[in-house]
Amino acid sequence: MSNWTDETERPPPVAVPHSELSGDTLQGVIESFVLREGTEYGNRDVSLTDKVAQVMCQLERGEARIMFDPATESIDIIVVTRRDRRGR
């Protein structure tokens, strides 16, 4: 149940530039995302450190973006399409 009587009142998610987060906070956000996703890497094991580094590279290249949802007070990392990258 939301706190809004009308979904049009719900605040939209907000992009959070990864460069605006402290190193520890960014590390925690990425680790939480990687552990929550349960990404399958096939027959080989990929360490948490490597997974975090891969996501960090995606953030730096603009291929992924950190989003804060004020309605749920949660953070997620999303893949950014080419069209979205041009429009930012």
N, C-alpha and C. Protein backbone atom coordinates (compact mmCIF):
# COMPACT_ATOMS: atom_id res chain seq x y z
N MET A 1 0.84 -1.18 0.00
CA MET A 1 0.00 0.00 0.00
C MET A 1 0.88 1.24 0.00
N SER A 2 0.66 2.13 -0.93
CA SER A 2 1.49 3.33 -1.01
C SER A 2 0.91 4.44 -0.15
N ASN A 3 1.72 5.45 0.06
CA ASN A 3 1.30 6.62 0.82
C ASN A 3 0.59 7.64 -0.06
N TRP A 4 0.45 7.35 -1.34
CA TRP A 4 -0.13 8.29 -2.28
C TRP A 4 -1.53 7.84 -2.66
N THR A 5 -2.46 8.79 -2.67
CA THR A 5 -3.83 8.47 -3.05
C THR A 5 -3.95 8.24 -4.54
N ASP A 6 -3.05 8.83 -5.29
CA ASP A 6 -3.06 8.72 -6.74
C ASP A 6 -1.63 8.41 -7.18
N GLU A 7 -1.45 7.39 -8.00
CA GLU A 7 -0.08 7.02 -8.43
C GLU A 7 0.63 8.15 -9.16
N THR A 8 -0.12 9.12 -9.69
CA THR A 8 0.53 10.26 -10.36
C THR A 8 1.26 11.13 -9.35
N GLU A 9 0.92 11.00 -8.06
CA GLU A 9 1.61 11.74 -7.01
C GLU A 9 2.93 11.08 -6.60
N ARG A 10 3.09 9.83 -6.97
CA ARG A 10 4.29 9.09 -6.59
C ARG A 10 5.53 9.72 -7.22
N PRO A 11 6.54 10.04 -6.43
CA PRO A 11 7.74 10.66 -7.00
C PRO A 11 8.49 9.66 -7.88
N PRO A 12 9.03 10.14 -8.99
CA PRO A 12 9.76 9.24 -9.89
C PRO A 12 11.13 8.88 -9.32
N PRO A 13 11.70 7.76 -9.76
CA PRO A 13 13.07 7.42 -9.35
C PRO A 13 14.05 8.51 -9.80
N VAL A 14 15.12 8.64 -9.05
CA VAL A 14 16.12 9.68 -9.30
C VAL A 14 17.46 9.02 -9.59
N ALA A 15 18.11 9.47 -10.66
CA ALA A 15 19.45 8.97 -10.98
C ALA A 15 20.44 9.56 -9.98
N VAL A 16 21.32 8.71 -9.47
CA VAL A 16 22.36 9.14 -8.53
C VAL A 16 23.71 8.93 -9.20
N PRO A 17 24.40 10.01 -9.54
CA PRO A 17 25.72 9.83 -10.17
C PRO A 17 26.66 9.05 -9.23
N HIS A 18 27.27 8.02 -9.77
CA HIS A 18 28.14 7.19 -8.91
C HIS A 18 29.29 8.01 -8.35
N SER A 19 29.70 9.04 -9.07
CA SER A 19 30.81 9.89 -8.62
C SER A 19 30.44 10.74 -7.40
N GLU A 20 29.13 10.84 -7.09
CA GLU A 20 28.68 11.62 -5.95
C GLU A 20 28.70 10.81 -4.65
N LEU A 21 28.89 9.51 -4.75
CA LEU A 21 28.90 8.65 -3.56
C LEU A 21 30.32 8.48 -3.05
N SER A 22 30.46 8.32 -1.74
CA SER A 22 31.77 8.03 -1.17
C SER A 22 32.20 6.64 -1.65
N GLY A 23 33.47 6.36 -1.59
CA GLY A 23 33.98 5.06 -2.02
C GLY A 23 33.34 3.90 -1.28
N ASP A 24 33.19 4.04 0.04
CA ASP A 24 32.58 2.97 0.83
C ASP A 24 31.10 2.77 0.49
N THR A 25 30.40 3.88 0.29
CA THR A 25 28.97 3.79 -0.05
C THR A 25 28.80 3.15 -1.42
N LEU A 26 29.59 3.59 -2.39
CA LEU A 26 29.51 3.02 -3.73
C LEU A 26 29.82 1.53 -3.70
N GLN A 27 30.84 1.15 -2.98
CA GLN A 27 31.19 -0.27 -2.84
C GLN A 27 30.02 -1.05 -2.27
N GLY A 28 29.39 -0.51 -1.23
CA GLY A 28 28.26 -1.19 -0.60
C GLY A 28 27.06 -1.31 -1.53
N VAL A 29 26.77 -0.27 -2.30
CA VAL A 29 25.65 -0.30 -3.25
C VAL A 29 25.90 -1.35 -4.31
N ILE A 30 27.11 -1.37 -4.86
CA ILE A 30 27.42 -2.34 -5.92
C ILE A 30 27.40 -3.77 -5.36
N GLU A 31 28.01 -3.98 -4.20
CA GLU A 31 28.00 -5.33 -3.61
C GLU A 31 26.58 -5.81 -3.34
N SER A 32 25.75 -4.94 -2.82
CA SER A 32 24.36 -5.30 -2.55
C SER A 32 23.65 -5.69 -3.84
N PHE A 33 23.87 -4.94 -4.89
CA PHE A 33 23.27 -5.24 -6.19
C PHE A 33 23.76 -6.58 -6.72
N VAL A 34 25.06 -6.80 -6.70
CA VAL A 34 25.64 -8.03 -7.24
C VAL A 34 25.13 -9.25 -6.46
N LEU A 35 25.08 -9.15 -5.16
CA LEU A 35 24.63 -10.28 -4.34
C LEU A 35 23.13 -10.53 -4.50
N ARG A 36 22.37 -9.47 -4.71
CA ARG A 36 20.92 -9.59 -4.87
C ARG A 36 20.56 -10.18 -6.23
N GLU A 37 21.32 -9.84 -7.24
CA GLU A 37 21.01 -10.28 -8.60
C GLU A 37 21.23 -11.77 -8.80
N GLY A 38 22.21 -12.35 -8.14
CA GLY A 38 22.49 -13.77 -8.33
C GLY A 38 22.85 -14.08 -9.77
N THR A 39 23.62 -13.20 -10.38
CA THR A 39 23.99 -13.35 -11.78
C THR A 39 24.69 -14.67 -12.03
N GLU A 40 24.31 -15.32 -13.09
CA GLU A 40 24.91 -16.59 -13.49
C GLU A 40 26.04 -16.31 -14.48
N TYR A 41 27.21 -16.83 -14.20
CA TYR A 41 28.37 -16.62 -15.05
C TYR A 41 28.80 -17.89 -15.78
N GLY A 42 27.92 -18.87 -15.85
CA GLY A 42 28.24 -20.10 -16.58
C GLY A 42 29.04 -21.06 -15.73
N ASN A 43 29.94 -21.79 -16.38
CA ASN A 43 30.69 -22.85 -15.71
C ASN A 43 31.84 -22.34 -14.86
N ARG A 44 32.17 -21.08 -14.98
CA ARG A 44 33.30 -20.59 -14.18
C ARG A 44 32.81 -19.72 -13.04
N ASP A 45 33.54 -19.77 -11.94
CA ASP A 45 33.21 -18.94 -10.79
C ASP A 45 33.82 -17.56 -10.99
N VAL A 46 33.07 -16.55 -10.67
CA VAL A 46 33.55 -15.17 -10.73
C VAL A 46 33.47 -14.62 -9.31
N SER A 47 34.57 -14.09 -8.84
CA SER A 47 34.62 -13.60 -7.46
C SER A 47 33.77 -12.34 -7.29
N LEU A 48 33.40 -12.08 -6.06
CA LEU A 48 32.65 -10.87 -5.75
C LEU A 48 33.45 -9.64 -6.18
N THR A 49 34.75 -9.67 -5.95
CA THR A 49 35.60 -8.56 -6.34
C THR A 49 35.53 -8.31 -7.84
N ASP A 50 35.58 -9.37 -8.64
CA ASP A 50 35.50 -9.22 -10.09
C ASP A 50 34.13 -8.72 -10.53
N LYS A 51 33.07 -9.22 -9.91
CA LYS A 51 31.72 -8.77 -10.25
C LYS A 51 31.55 -7.29 -9.93
N VAL A 52 32.05 -6.87 -8.78
CA VAL A 52 31.97 -5.46 -8.39
C VAL A 52 32.75 -4.60 -9.39
N ALA A 53 33.91 -5.06 -9.78
CA ALA A 53 34.73 -4.31 -10.74
C ALA A 53 34.02 -4.19 -12.09
N GLN A 54 33.34 -5.25 -12.52
CA GLN A 54 32.60 -5.21 -13.78
C GLN A 54 31.48 -4.18 -13.74
N VAL A 55 30.73 -4.16 -12.63
CA VAL A 55 29.64 -3.19 -12.50
C VAL A 55 30.21 -1.78 -12.43
N MET A 56 31.31 -1.60 -11.72
CA MET A 56 31.93 -0.29 -11.63
C MET A 56 32.33 0.22 -13.01
N CYS A 57 32.89 -0.65 -13.83
CA CYS A 57 33.25 -0.27 -15.20
C CYS A 57 32.01 0.14 -15.99
N GLN A 58 30.92 -0.59 -15.81
CA GLN A 58 29.68 -0.24 -16.51
C GLN A 58 29.17 1.13 -16.07
N LEU A 59 29.28 1.43 -14.79
CA LEU A 59 28.87 2.74 -14.29
C LEU A 59 29.75 3.84 -14.88
N GLU A 60 31.06 3.60 -14.90
CA GLU A 60 32.00 4.60 -15.43
C GLU A 60 31.80 4.84 -16.92
N ARG A 61 31.42 3.81 -17.66
CA ARG A 61 31.20 3.95 -19.11
C ARG A 61 29.81 4.46 -19.45
N GLY A 62 28.97 4.63 -18.44
CA GLY A 62 27.60 5.09 -18.68
C GLY A 62 26.67 4.00 -19.17
N GLU A 63 27.08 2.75 -19.04
CA GLU A 63 26.26 1.61 -19.46
C GLU A 63 25.28 1.17 -18.37
N ALA A 64 25.49 1.67 -17.17
CA ALA A 64 24.61 1.37 -16.04
C ALA A 64 24.45 2.65 -15.23
N ARG A 65 23.39 2.69 -14.44
CA ARG A 65 23.09 3.89 -13.66
C ARG A 65 22.50 3.47 -12.32
N ILE A 66 22.88 4.20 -11.28
CA ILE A 66 22.31 3.98 -9.95
C ILE A 66 21.04 4.80 -9.86
N MET A 67 19.95 4.15 -9.42
CA MET A 67 18.66 4.83 -9.29
C MET A 67 18.16 4.69 -7.86
N PHE A 68 17.67 5.81 -7.32
CA PHE A 68 17.05 5.82 -6.00
C PHE A 68 15.55 6.02 -6.19
N ASP A 69 14.76 5.13 -5.59
CA ASP A 69 13.31 5.23 -5.66
C ASP A 69 12.81 5.78 -4.33
N PRO A 70 12.40 7.07 -4.31
CA PRO A 70 11.95 7.66 -3.05
C PRO A 70 10.68 7.02 -2.52
N ALA A 71 9.88 6.43 -3.39
CA ALA A 71 8.63 5.80 -2.94
C ALA A 71 8.91 4.57 -2.09
N THR A 72 9.93 3.81 -2.46
CA THR A 72 10.27 2.60 -1.70
C THR A 72 11.53 2.77 -0.86
N GLU A 73 12.17 3.93 -1.03
CA GLU A 73 13.44 4.22 -0.35
C GLU A 73 14.46 3.13 -0.62
N SER A 74 14.55 2.73 -1.90
CA SER A 74 15.49 1.67 -2.28
C SER A 74 16.38 2.16 -3.42
N ILE A 75 17.49 1.47 -3.55
CA ILE A 75 18.46 1.78 -4.60
C ILE A 75 18.61 0.57 -5.49
N ASP A 76 18.74 0.82 -6.79
CA ASP A 76 18.96 -0.25 -7.75
C ASP A 76 19.96 0.23 -8.79
N ILE A 77 20.53 -0.69 -9.51
CA ILE A 77 21.40 -0.35 -10.63
C ILE A 77 20.73 -0.90 -11.87
N ILE A 78 20.58 -0.04 -12.86
CA ILE A 78 19.89 -0.44 -14.09
C ILE A 78 20.84 -0.34 -15.27
N VAL A 79 20.57 -1.14 -16.28
CA VAL A 79 21.30 -1.06 -17.54
C VAL A 79 20.74 0.11 -18.32
N VAL A 80 21.61 0.88 -18.92
CA VAL A 80 21.20 2.04 -19.70
C VAL A 80 21.31 1.70 -21.18
N THR A 81 20.23 1.95 -21.91
CA THR A 81 20.25 1.71 -23.35
C THR A 81 21.04 2.81 -24.05
N ARG A 82 21.41 2.56 -25.27
CA ARG A 82 22.15 3.57 -26.04
C ARG A 82 21.35 4.87 -26.14
N ARG A 83 20.04 4.74 -26.36
CA ARG A 83 19.19 5.92 -26.48
C ARG A 83 19.21 6.71 -25.17
N ASP A 84 19.15 6.00 -24.03
CA ASP A 84 19.18 6.68 -22.73
C ASP A 84 20.51 7.38 -22.51
N ARG A 85 21.60 6.79 -22.98
CA ARG A 85 22.92 7.41 -22.80
C ARG A 85 23.03 8.72 -23.58
N ARG A 86 22.43 8.78 -24.75
CA ARG A 86 22.48 10.01 -25.55
C ARG A 86 21.68 11.12 -24.89
N GLY A 87 20.60 10.75 -24.19
CA GLY A 87 19.71 11.74 -23.64
C GLY A 87 20.07 12.23 -22.26
N ARG A 88 21.15 11.74 -21.69
CA ARG A 88 21.44 12.15 -20.31
C ARG A 88 22.17 13.44 -20.24
